[in-house]
Amino acid sequence: MALFGNYDTPGKGVLKTPHEKRPFFKFWEVYFRHCWQLMGLNLLYFLFLIPLFAAILLASENLKWLLLIVISGIMGPATAAMTRVVRNFSQERHTFVLHDFFRAFKLNMKQGLIMGYIDSIAIVSFIVGVPMYQSMADKNSVMYIPYIICMACMLVFFMMHFYIYQMMCSTNLNMKQILRNALFLVSIGIKQTIFTLLASLFIILVNYLTLLIHPAVGIALVMIFPFTFLTFVACFNCYPVIRKNVIQPYYDQRGEVNPEEASLSAADGEALFEDRAAEEKPVPTEKKTKRKTIR
């Protein structure tokens, strides 16, 4: 038995990958492999938040909400671009951070702006609605019904974001299809959704407490850590749900090979090198057909 590995595995050739690790250990292995790049990406994403912070601190009370809604639309394309890069890291795909970020920003500009404005309106609605229904429920117990409904809608909307931006940067679906699929995927991948939700709430709580206890440390932490980490958790857990229930059915219906599944199947092969040159045949020329873009 070797000190750093077992080289007595039977079979021909060299194994392509080591024995599959448990998801928990694989998560941390992949994350720490790209930790510094993710921190740099978090800082890049944070730069897009500066206009929002400026609007909150400098604008008058009457203009604050209007400015927030107008400015925050740009966070949609930025979030899609960050998600694209983090998804590549989580799925162990090669990526150039700056190139892929700005390319994804441009490609998802339209849908990102739409989603950014939807997010802005939803956030303002929840900020106003939840305290209002809570105040009304304190006076009249019947109002606990709309209060609970409002809280449930806020939670579901938050969980839909584990899927929305990943589909935006991975498929050619329109905005209506993305939102509808995200709503269904929340329940289809309930295990992954709940785990991602708990992890997200924990990280948000830690960052919030850090800001309260030591604001300088909290701000520094926000600049380099939480956004990409939360996105990495969502991509690691939820992208396989999207691939299985959204991307793969597209290719199955058309009898085409999913490029992602083909690469995954190749990774499960037994040998890395095998000399079969004598059995090779010329590859027939096929007529090019337009296929679904998996970015």
C-alpha atoms as a PDB file:
ATOM      1  CA  MET A   1       0.000   0.000   0.000  1.00  0.00           C
ATOM      2  CA  ALA A   2       1.487   3.337  -1.035  1.00  0.00           C
ATOM      3  CA  LEU A   3       1.886   6.243   1.340  1.00  0.00           C
ATOM      4  CA  PHE A   4      -0.052   8.807  -0.743  1.00  0.00           C
ATOM      5  CA  GLY A   5      -2.287   6.520  -2.768  1.00  0.00           C
ATOM      6  CA  ASN A   6      -3.042   3.002  -3.880  1.00  0.00           C
ATOM      7  CA  TYR A   7      -1.316   1.999  -7.131  1.00  0.00           C
ATOM      8  CA  ASP A   8      -2.561  -1.599  -7.032  1.00  0.00           C
ATOM      9  CA  THR A   9      -5.888  -0.849  -8.713  1.00  0.00           C
ATOM     10  CA  PRO A  10      -6.580  -3.590 -11.282  1.00  0.00           C
ATOM     11  CA  GLY A  11      -7.278  -2.752 -14.908  1.00  0.00           C
ATOM     12  CA  LYS A  12      -5.578  -1.279 -17.964  1.00  0.00           C
ATOM     13  CA  GLY A  13      -4.126   2.175 -18.177  1.00  0.00           C
ATOM     14  CA  VAL A  14      -4.024   5.047 -15.693  1.00  0.00           C
ATOM     15  CA  LEU A  15      -7.194   6.125 -13.931  1.00  0.00           C
ATOM     16  CA  LYS A  16      -8.506   9.479 -15.115  1.00  0.00           C
ATOM     17  CA  THR A  17      -9.634  10.643 -11.668  1.00  0.00           C
ATOM     18  CA  PRO A  18      -9.134   9.481  -8.084  1.00  0.00           C
ATOM     19  CA  HIS A  19     -11.937   7.740  -6.270  1.00  0.00           C
ATOM     20  CA  GLU A  20     -14.848  10.132  -5.911  1.00  0.00           C
ATOM     21  CA  LYS A  21     -14.819  12.061  -2.643  1.00  0.00           C
ATOM     22  CA  ARG A  22     -17.866  12.729  -0.531  1.00  0.00           C
ATOM     23  CA  PRO A  23     -19.610  15.963  -1.589  1.00  0.00           C
ATOM     24  CA  PHE A  24     -18.695  17.772   1.649  1.00  0.00           C
ATOM     25  CA  PHE A  25     -14.970  17.149   1.205  1.00  0.00           C
ATOM     26  CA  LYS A  26     -15.103  17.746  -2.548  1.00  0.00           C
ATOM     27  CA  PHE A  27     -16.819  21.091  -1.955  1.00  0.00           C
ATOM     28  CA  TRP A  28     -14.032  22.383   0.264  1.00  0.00           C
ATOM     29  CA  GLU A  29     -11.312  20.939  -1.962  1.00  0.00           C
ATOM     30  CA  VAL A  30     -12.667  22.738  -5.034  1.00  0.00           C
ATOM     31  CA  TYR A  31     -13.395  25.950  -3.115  1.00  0.00           C
ATOM     32  CA  PHE A  32      -9.934  26.271  -1.561  1.00  0.00           C
ATOM     33  CA  ARG A  33      -8.347  25.467  -4.921  1.00  0.00           C
ATOM     34  CA  HIS A  34      -9.912  28.643  -6.321  1.00  0.00           C
ATOM     35  CA  CYS A  35     -10.141  30.613  -3.060  1.00  0.00           C
ATOM     36  CA  TRP A  36      -7.967  33.575  -4.076  1.00  0.00           C
ATOM     37  CA  GLN A  37      -9.645  33.930  -7.456  1.00  0.00           C
ATOM     38  CA  LEU A  38     -13.063  33.873  -5.790  1.00  0.00           C
ATOM     39  CA  MET A  39     -11.961  36.576  -3.367  1.00  0.00           C
ATOM     40  CA  GLY A  40     -10.828  38.743  -6.270  1.00  0.00           C
ATOM     41  CA  LEU A  41     -14.135  38.102  -8.042  1.00  0.00           C
ATOM     42  CA  ASN A  42     -16.024  39.062  -4.862  1.00  0.00           C
ATOM     43  CA  LEU A  43     -14.123  42.361  -4.777  1.00  0.00           C
ATOM     44  CA  LEU A  44     -14.983  43.000  -8.433  1.00  0.00           C
ATOM     45  CA  TYR A  45     -18.666  42.333  -7.718  1.00  0.00           C
ATOM     46  CA  PHE A  46     -18.497  44.580  -4.635  1.00  0.00           C
ATOM     47  CA  LEU A  47     -17.492  47.506  -6.855  1.00  0.00           C
ATOM     48  CA  PHE A  48     -20.923  47.335  -8.482  1.00  0.00           C
ATOM     49  CA  LEU A  49     -22.512  47.767  -5.037  1.00  0.00           C
ATOM     50  CA  ILE A  50     -20.777  51.082  -4.325  1.00  0.00           C
ATOM     51  CA  PRO A  51     -23.397  53.215  -6.194  1.00  0.00           C
ATOM     52  CA  LEU A  52     -26.114  51.516  -4.123  1.00  0.00           C
ATOM     53  CA  PHE A  53     -24.343  52.310  -0.865  1.00  0.00           C
ATOM     54  CA  ALA A  54     -23.820  55.891  -2.055  1.00  0.00           C
ATOM     55  CA  ALA A  55     -27.539  56.233  -2.826  1.00  0.00           C
ATOM     56  CA  ILE A  56     -28.476  54.906   0.620  1.00  0.00           C
ATOM     57  CA  LEU A  57     -26.078  57.220   2.473  1.00  0.00           C
ATOM     58  CA  LEU A  58     -26.292  60.405   0.397  1.00  0.00           C
ATOM     59  CA  ALA A  59     -29.774  60.541  -1.120  1.00  0.00           C
ATOM     60  CA  SER A  60     -32.686  62.213   0.634  1.00  0.00           C
ATOM     61  CA  GLU A  61     -35.461  60.079   2.069  1.00  0.00           C
ATOM     62  CA  ASN A  62     -37.821  60.996  -0.778  1.00  0.00           C
ATOM     63  CA  LEU A  63     -35.350  60.013  -3.511  1.00  0.00           C
ATOM     64  CA  LYS A  64     -33.698  57.048  -1.800  1.00  0.00           C
ATOM     65  CA  TRP A  65     -36.082  54.306  -2.919  1.00  0.00           C
ATOM     66  CA  LEU A  66     -36.353  55.666  -6.466  1.00  0.00           C
ATOM     67  CA  LEU A  67     -32.552  55.800  -6.820  1.00  0.00           C
ATOM     68  CA  LEU A  68     -32.176  52.330  -5.369  1.00  0.00           C
ATOM     69  CA  ILE A  69     -34.621  50.864  -7.878  1.00  0.00           C
ATOM     70  CA  VAL A  70     -33.014  52.683 -10.833  1.00  0.00           C
ATOM     71  CA  ILE A  71     -29.388  51.945  -9.901  1.00  0.00           C
ATOM     72  CA  SER A  72     -29.898  48.415  -8.630  1.00  0.00           C
ATOM     73  CA  GLY A  73     -30.954  47.176 -12.061  1.00  0.00           C
ATOM     74  CA  ILE A  74     -27.269  46.959 -13.000  1.00  0.00           C
ATOM     75  CA  MET A  75     -26.795  44.335 -10.272  1.00  0.00           C
ATOM     76  CA  GLY A  76     -28.659  41.832 -12.457  1.00  0.00           C
ATOM     77  CA  PRO A  77     -26.010  41.597 -15.211  1.00  0.00           C
ATOM     78  CA  ALA A  78     -23.254  41.746 -12.575  1.00  0.00           C
ATOM     79  CA  THR A  79     -24.818  38.865 -10.652  1.00  0.00           C
ATOM     80  CA  ALA A  80     -25.238  36.819 -13.826  1.00  0.00           C
ATOM     81  CA  ALA A  81     -21.596  37.458 -14.752  1.00  0.00           C
ATOM     82  CA  MET A  82     -20.364  36.479 -11.287  1.00  0.00           C
ATOM     83  CA  THR A  83     -22.556  33.371 -11.349  1.00  0.00           C
ATOM     84  CA  ARG A  84     -21.112  32.327 -14.702  1.00  0.00           C
ATOM     85  CA  VAL A  85     -17.542  32.415 -13.374  1.00  0.00           C
ATOM     86  CA  VAL A  86     -18.394  30.771 -10.045  1.00  0.00           C
ATOM     87  CA  ARG A  87     -20.383  28.057 -11.812  1.00  0.00           C
ATOM     88  CA  ASN A  88     -17.334  27.229 -13.912  1.00  0.00           C
ATOM     89  CA  PHE A  89     -15.186  26.992 -10.789  1.00  0.00           C
ATOM     90  CA  SER A  90     -17.725  24.825  -8.958  1.00  0.00           C
ATOM     91  CA  GLN A  91     -17.996  22.433 -11.920  1.00  0.00           C
ATOM     92  CA  GLU A  92     -14.203  22.441 -12.315  1.00  0.00           C
ATOM     93  CA  ARG A  93     -14.212  24.066 -15.738  1.00  0.00           C
ATOM     94  CA  HIS A  94     -11.357  26.209 -16.949  1.00  0.00           C
ATOM     95  CA  THR A  95     -12.154  29.913 -16.802  1.00  0.00           C
ATOM     96  CA  PHE A  96     -10.507  33.329 -17.074  1.00  0.00           C
ATOM     97  CA  VAL A  97     -12.095  35.469 -14.375  1.00  0.00           C
ATOM     98  CA  LEU A  98     -12.045  38.937 -15.963  1.00  0.00           C
ATOM     99  CA  HIS A  99     -12.630  37.784 -19.546  1.00  0.00           C
ATOM    100  CA  ASP A 100     -15.518  35.470 -18.657  1.00  0.00           C
ATOM    101  CA  PHE A 101     -17.035  37.975 -16.219  1.00  0.00           C
ATOM    102  CA  PHE A 102     -17.299  40.839 -18.708  1.00  0.00           C
ATOM    103  CA  ARG A 103     -18.293  38.508 -21.544  1.00  0.00           C
ATOM    104  CA  ALA A 104     -21.141  37.106 -19.431  1.00  0.00           C
ATOM    105  CA  PHE A 105     -22.047  40.648 -18.328  1.00  0.00           C
ATOM    106  CA  LYS A 106     -22.514  41.634 -21.964  1.00  0.00           C
ATOM    107  CA  LEU A 107     -24.327  38.451 -23.024  1.00  0.00           C
ATOM    108  CA  ASN A 108     -26.799  38.632 -20.131  1.00  0.00           C
ATOM    109  CA  MET A 109     -27.289  42.394 -20.135  1.00  0.00           C
ATOM    110  CA  LYS A 110     -30.956  42.378 -21.174  1.00  0.00           C
ATOM    111  CA  GLN A 111     -32.192  39.545 -18.973  1.00  0.00           C
ATOM    112  CA  GLY A 112     -29.933  40.717 -16.154  1.00  0.00           C
ATOM    113  CA  LEU A 113     -31.435  44.206 -16.182  1.00  0.00           C
ATOM    114  CA  ILE A 114     -34.948  42.768 -16.174  1.00  0.00           C
ATOM    115  CA  MET A 115     -34.133  40.499 -13.244  1.00  0.00           C
ATOM    116  CA  GLY A 116     -32.302  43.305 -11.459  1.00  0.00           C
ATOM    117  CA  TYR A 117     -35.406  45.503 -11.586  1.00  0.00           C
ATOM    118  CA  ILE A 118     -37.634  42.605 -10.531  1.00  0.00           C
ATOM    119  CA  ASP A 119     -35.339  42.024  -7.548  1.00  0.00           C
ATOM    120  CA  SER A 120     -35.360  45.711  -6.660  1.00  0.00           C
ATOM    121  CA  ILE A 121     -39.145  45.981  -6.716  1.00  0.00           C
ATOM    122  CA  ALA A 122     -39.511  42.727  -4.773  1.00  0.00           C
ATOM    123  CA  ILE A 123     -36.998  43.789  -2.091  1.00  0.00           C
ATOM    124  CA  VAL A 124     -38.689  47.162  -1.593  1.00  0.00           C
ATOM    125  CA  SER A 125     -42.086  45.442  -1.458  1.00  0.00           C
ATOM    126  CA  PHE A 126     -40.932  42.981   1.188  1.00  0.00           C
ATOM    127  CA  ILE A 127     -39.185  45.703   3.222  1.00  0.00           C
ATOM    128  CA  VAL A 128     -42.428  47.688   3.292  1.00  0.00           C
ATOM    129  CA  GLY A 129     -44.899  44.787   3.394  1.00  0.00           C
ATOM    130  CA  VAL A 130     -43.469  42.532   6.112  1.00  0.00           C
ATOM    131  CA  PRO A 131     -43.368  45.191   8.894  1.00  0.00           C
ATOM    132  CA  MET A 132     -46.764  46.513   7.820  1.00  0.00           C
ATOM    133  CA  TYR A 133     -48.457  43.094   8.019  1.00  0.00           C
ATOM    134  CA  GLN A 134     -46.668  42.348  11.282  1.00  0.00           C
ATOM    135  CA  SER A 135     -47.957  45.589  12.794  1.00  0.00           C
ATOM    136  CA  MET A 136     -51.469  44.832  11.573  1.00  0.00           C
ATOM    137  CA  ALA A 137     -51.246  41.252  12.905  1.00  0.00           C
ATOM    138  CA  ASP A 138     -50.335  42.544  16.370  1.00  0.00           C
ATOM    139  CA  LYS A 139     -53.642  44.382  16.439  1.00  0.00           C
ATOM    140  CA  ASN A 140     -55.763  41.786  14.649  1.00  0.00           C
ATOM    141  CA  SER A 141     -54.845  38.088  14.707  1.00  0.00           C
ATOM    142  CA  VAL A 142     -56.632  37.528  11.383  1.00  0.00           C
ATOM    143  CA  MET A 143     -53.875  39.529   9.688  1.00  0.00           C
ATOM    144  CA  TYR A 144     -51.386  36.807  10.563  1.00  0.00           C
ATOM    145  CA  ILE A 145     -52.646  35.033   7.427  1.00  0.00           C
ATOM    146  CA  PRO A 146     -51.370  37.666   4.931  1.00  0.00           C
ATOM    147  CA  TYR A 147     -48.291  38.101   7.129  1.00  0.00           C
ATOM    148  CA  ILE A 148     -47.406  34.405   6.876  1.00  0.00           C
ATOM    149  CA  ILE A 149     -48.194  34.423   3.130  1.00  0.00           C
ATOM    150  CA  CYS A 150     -45.866  37.411   2.645  1.00  0.00           C
ATOM    151  CA  MET A 151     -43.069  35.701   4.590  1.00  0.00           C
ATOM    152  CA  ALA A 152     -43.538  32.481   2.584  1.00  0.00           C
ATOM    153  CA  CYS A 153     -43.411  34.366  -0.716  1.00  0.00           C
ATOM    154  CA  MET A 154     -40.232  36.143   0.381  1.00  0.00           C
ATOM    155  CA  LEU A 155     -38.596  32.828   1.305  1.00  0.00           C
ATOM    156  CA  VAL A 156     -39.583  31.124  -1.957  1.00  0.00           C
ATOM    157  CA  PHE A 157     -38.424  34.121  -3.993  1.00  0.00           C
ATOM    158  CA  PHE A 158     -35.074  34.016  -2.204  1.00  0.00           C
ATOM    159  CA  MET A 159     -34.674  30.276  -2.903  1.00  0.00           C
ATOM    160  CA  MET A 160     -35.561  30.752  -6.579  1.00  0.00           C
ATOM    161  CA  HIS A 161     -32.343  32.751  -6.901  1.00  0.00           C
ATOM    162  CA  PHE A 162     -30.354  29.562  -6.366  1.00  0.00           C
ATOM    163  CA  TYR A 163     -31.490  28.660  -9.895  1.00  0.00           C
ATOM    164  CA  ILE A 164     -32.438  31.871 -11.728  1.00  0.00           C
ATOM    165  CA  TYR A 165     -29.011  33.295 -12.507  1.00  0.00           C
ATOM    166  CA  GLN A 166     -27.500  29.881 -13.193  1.00  0.00           C
ATOM    167  CA  MET A 167     -30.107  29.218 -15.880  1.00  0.00           C
ATOM    168  CA  MET A 168     -29.642  32.739 -17.212  1.00  0.00           C
ATOM    169  CA  CYS A 169     -25.940  32.176 -17.860  1.00  0.00           C
ATOM    170  CA  SER A 170     -26.234  28.505 -18.895  1.00  0.00           C
ATOM    171  CA  THR A 171     -29.205  28.318 -21.280  1.00  0.00           C
ATOM    172  CA  ASN A 172     -31.052  30.239 -23.985  1.00  0.00           C
ATOM    173  CA  LEU A 173     -34.351  30.284 -22.073  1.00  0.00           C
ATOM    174  CA  ASN A 174     -36.384  33.468 -21.989  1.00  0.00           C
ATOM    175  CA  MET A 175     -37.125  35.295 -18.729  1.00  0.00           C
ATOM    176  CA  LYS A 176     -40.582  33.790 -18.294  1.00  0.00           C
ATOM    177  CA  GLN A 177     -39.246  30.249 -18.716  1.00  0.00           C
ATOM    178  CA  ILE A 178     -36.378  30.926 -16.297  1.00  0.00           C
ATOM    179  CA  LEU A 179     -38.710  32.172 -13.558  1.00  0.00           C
ATOM    180  CA  ARG A 180     -41.160  29.322 -14.080  1.00  0.00           C
ATOM    181  CA  ASN A 181     -38.419  26.687 -14.052  1.00  0.00           C
ATOM    182  CA  ALA A 182     -36.810  28.235 -10.976  1.00  0.00           C
ATOM    183  CA  LEU A 183     -40.094  27.977  -9.087  1.00  0.00           C
ATOM    184  CA  PHE A 184     -40.448  24.297  -9.989  1.00  0.00           C
ATOM    185  CA  LEU A 185     -36.790  23.484  -9.297  1.00  0.00           C
ATOM    186  CA  VAL A 186     -37.105  24.802  -5.749  1.00  0.00           C
ATOM    187  CA  SER A 187     -39.379  21.850  -4.982  1.00  0.00           C
ATOM    188  CA  ILE A 188     -37.858  19.321  -7.400  1.00  0.00           C
ATOM    189  CA  GLY A 189     -34.439  19.758  -5.836  1.00  0.00           C
ATOM    190  CA  ILE A 190     -35.828  20.320  -2.338  1.00  0.00           C
ATOM    191  CA  LYS A 191     -32.890  18.657  -0.590  1.00  0.00           C
ATOM    192  CA  GLN A 192     -30.296  20.786  -2.385  1.00  0.00           C
ATOM    193  CA  THR A 193     -32.511  23.865  -1.997  1.00  0.00           C
ATOM    194  CA  ILE A 194     -32.944  23.500   1.756  1.00  0.00           C
ATOM    195  CA  PHE A 195     -29.260  22.785   2.322  1.00  0.00           C
ATOM    196  CA  THR A 196     -28.285  25.831   0.271  1.00  0.00           C
ATOM    197  CA  LEU A 197     -30.830  27.948   2.147  1.00  0.00           C
ATOM    198  CA  LEU A 198     -29.480  26.932   5.571  1.00  0.00           C
ATOM    199  CA  ALA A 199     -25.884  27.532   4.486  1.00  0.00           C
ATOM    200  CA  SER A 200     -26.834  30.939   3.030  1.00  0.00           C
ATOM    201  CA  LEU A 201     -28.700  32.045   6.156  1.00  0.00           C
ATOM    202  CA  PHE A 202     -25.746  30.996   8.312  1.00  0.00           C
ATOM    203  CA  ILE A 203     -23.231  32.985   6.230  1.00  0.00           C
ATOM    204  CA  ILE A 204     -25.543  36.024   6.140  1.00  0.00           C
ATOM    205  CA  LEU A 205     -25.951  35.856   9.928  1.00  0.00           C
ATOM    206  CA  VAL A 206     -22.181  35.589  10.483  1.00  0.00           C
ATOM    207  CA  ASN A 207     -21.506  38.596   8.243  1.00  0.00           C
ATOM    208  CA  TYR A 208     -24.283  40.597   9.888  1.00  0.00           C
ATOM    209  CA  LEU A 209     -22.972  39.903  13.403  1.00  0.00           C
ATOM    210  CA  THR A 210     -19.433  40.736  12.290  1.00  0.00           C
ATOM    211  CA  LEU A 211     -20.627  44.103  10.980  1.00  0.00           C
ATOM    212  CA  LEU A 212     -22.355  44.821  14.299  1.00  0.00           C
ATOM    213  CA  ILE A 213     -19.462  43.741  16.515  1.00  0.00           C
ATOM    214  CA  HIS A 214     -16.555  45.085  14.455  1.00  0.00           C
ATOM    215  CA  PRO A 215     -17.700  47.221  11.488  1.00  0.00           C
ATOM    216  CA  ALA A 216     -14.233  47.581   9.934  1.00  0.00           C
ATOM    217  CA  VAL A 217     -13.663  43.817   9.904  1.00  0.00           C
ATOM    218  CA  GLY A 218     -17.231  43.272   8.703  1.00  0.00           C
ATOM    219  CA  ILE A 219     -16.815  45.621   5.734  1.00  0.00           C
ATOM    220  CA  ALA A 220     -13.490  44.017   4.804  1.00  0.00           C
ATOM    221  CA  LEU A 221     -15.147  40.590   4.987  1.00  0.00           C
ATOM    222  CA  VAL A 222     -18.034  41.704   2.787  1.00  0.00           C
ATOM    223  CA  MET A 223     -15.577  42.982   0.197  1.00  0.00           C
ATOM    224  CA  ILE A 224     -13.772  39.656  -0.298  1.00  0.00           C
ATOM    225  CA  PHE A 225     -15.965  36.796   0.865  1.00  0.00           C
ATOM    226  CA  PRO A 226     -19.746  36.372   1.078  1.00  0.00           C
ATOM    227  CA  PHE A 227     -21.109  36.949  -2.435  1.00  0.00           C
ATOM    228  CA  THR A 228     -18.913  34.448  -4.250  1.00  0.00           C
ATOM    229  CA  PHE A 229     -19.076  31.948  -1.385  1.00  0.00           C
ATOM    230  CA  LEU A 230     -22.891  31.972  -1.343  1.00  0.00           C
ATOM    231  CA  THR A 231     -22.936  31.674  -5.127  1.00  0.00           C
ATOM    232  CA  PHE A 232     -20.416  28.826  -4.968  1.00  0.00           C
ATOM    233  CA  VAL A 233     -22.631  26.943  -2.498  1.00  0.00           C
ATOM    234  CA  ALA A 234     -25.656  27.434  -4.781  1.00  0.00           C
ATOM    235  CA  CYS A 235     -23.775  26.382  -7.923  1.00  0.00           C
ATOM    236  CA  PHE A 236     -22.170  23.340  -6.302  1.00  0.00           C
ATOM    237  CA  ASN A 237     -25.499  22.094  -4.935  1.00  0.00           C
ATOM    238  CA  CYS A 238     -28.077  23.281  -7.463  1.00  0.00           C
ATOM    239  CA  TYR A 239     -26.415  23.253 -10.881  1.00  0.00           C
ATOM    240  CA  PRO A 240     -26.660  19.418 -11.077  1.00  0.00           C
ATOM    241  CA  VAL A 241     -30.431  19.844 -10.546  1.00  0.00           C
ATOM    242  CA  ILE A 242     -30.573  22.274 -13.481  1.00  0.00           C
ATOM    243  CA  ARG A 243     -28.461  19.980 -15.662  1.00  0.00           C
ATOM    244  CA  LYS A 244     -30.682  16.994 -14.903  1.00  0.00           C
ATOM    245  CA  ASN A 245     -34.101  18.640 -15.175  1.00  0.00           C
ATOM    246  CA  VAL A 246     -33.595  21.513 -17.647  1.00  0.00           C
ATOM    247  CA  ILE A 247     -30.548  20.970 -19.851  1.00  0.00           C
ATOM    248  CA  GLN A 248     -30.519  17.192 -20.284  1.00  0.00           C
ATOM    249  CA  PRO A 249     -34.245  16.871 -21.272  1.00  0.00           C
ATOM    250  CA  TYR A 250     -33.624  19.324 -24.110  1.00  0.00           C
ATOM    251  CA  TYR A 251     -31.045  17.001 -25.677  1.00  0.00           C
ATOM    252  CA  ASP A 252     -33.052  13.858 -24.886  1.00  0.00           C
ATOM    253  CA  GLN A 253     -36.070  15.184 -26.794  1.00  0.00           C
ATOM    254  CA  ARG A 254     -33.911  15.815 -29.863  1.00  0.00           C
ATOM    255  CA  GLY A 255     -31.832  12.679 -29.626  1.00  0.00           C
ATOM    256  CA  GLU A 256     -28.659  14.728 -29.312  1.00  0.00           C
ATOM    257  CA  VAL A 257     -25.698  14.249 -27.014  1.00  0.00           C
ATOM    258  CA  ASN A 258     -25.374  16.697 -24.144  1.00  0.00           C
ATOM    259  CA  PRO A 259     -21.759  17.952 -24.256  1.00  0.00           C
ATOM    260  CA  GLU A 260     -21.688  18.074 -20.455  1.00  0.00           C
ATOM    261  CA  GLU A 261     -22.917  14.503 -20.046  1.00  0.00           C
ATOM    262  CA  ALA A 262     -20.448  13.323 -22.672  1.00  0.00           C
ATOM    263  CA  SER A 263     -17.551  14.834 -20.740  1.00  0.00           C
ATOM    264  CA  LEU A 264     -18.842  13.403 -17.468  1.00  0.00           C
ATOM    265  CA  SER A 265     -19.174   9.948 -19.000  1.00  0.00           C
ATOM    266  CA  ALA A 266     -15.644  10.169 -20.366  1.00  0.00           C
ATOM    267  CA  ALA A 267     -14.396  11.001 -16.878  1.00  0.00           C
ATOM    268  CA  ASP A 268     -15.861   7.734 -15.593  1.00  0.00           C
ATOM    269  CA  GLY A 269     -13.823   5.674 -18.071  1.00  0.00           C
ATOM    270  CA  GLU A 270     -11.373   3.145 -16.729  1.00  0.00           C
ATOM    271  CA  ALA A 271      -8.171   4.041 -18.566  1.00  0.00           C
ATOM    272  CA  LEU A 272      -6.680   7.348 -19.529  1.00  0.00           C
ATOM    273  CA  PHE A 273      -4.522   5.984 -22.389  1.00  0.00           C
ATOM    274  CA  GLU A 274      -5.270   2.986 -24.553  1.00  0.00           C
ATOM    275  CA  ASP A 275      -3.645   2.311 -27.914  1.00  0.00           C
ATOM    276  CA  ARG A 276      -6.351   1.355 -30.441  1.00  0.00           C
ATOM    277  CA  ALA A 277      -5.035   3.097 -33.518  1.00  0.00           C
ATOM    278  CA  ALA A 278      -5.577  -0.009 -35.696  1.00  0.00           C
ATOM    279  CA  GLU A 279      -9.323   0.116 -35.008  1.00  0.00           C
ATOM    280  CA  GLU A 280      -9.760   3.763 -35.910  1.00  0.00           C
ATOM    281  CA  LYS A 281     -12.008   4.653 -38.848  1.00  0.00           C
ATOM    282  CA  PRO A 282     -12.371   7.922 -40.743  1.00  0.00           C
ATOM    283  CA  VAL A 283     -14.908  10.235 -39.171  1.00  0.00           C
ATOM    284  CA  PRO A 284     -17.813  10.839 -41.579  1.00  0.00           C
ATOM    285  CA  THR A 285     -18.574  14.438 -42.405  1.00  0.00           C
ATOM    286  CA  GLU A 286     -21.889  15.531 -40.923  1.00  0.00           C
ATOM    287  CA  LYS A 287     -24.049  18.415 -41.948  1.00  0.00           C
ATOM    288  CA  LYS A 288     -23.826  21.175 -39.356  1.00  0.00           C
ATOM    289  CA  THR A 289     -26.988  21.781 -37.385  1.00  0.00           C
ATOM    290  CA  LYS A 290     -27.809  24.512 -34.920  1.00  0.00           C
ATOM    291  CA  ARG A 291     -27.722  23.252 -31.362  1.00  0.00           C
ATOM    292  CA  LYS A 292     -28.692  24.532 -27.977  1.00  0.00           C
ATOM    293  CA  THR A 293     -26.011  26.790 -26.575  1.00  0.00           C
ATOM    294  CA  ILE A 294     -24.646  25.616 -23.238  1.00  0.00           C
ATOM    295  CA  ARG A 295     -22.374  28.391 -22.101  1.00  0.00           C
END
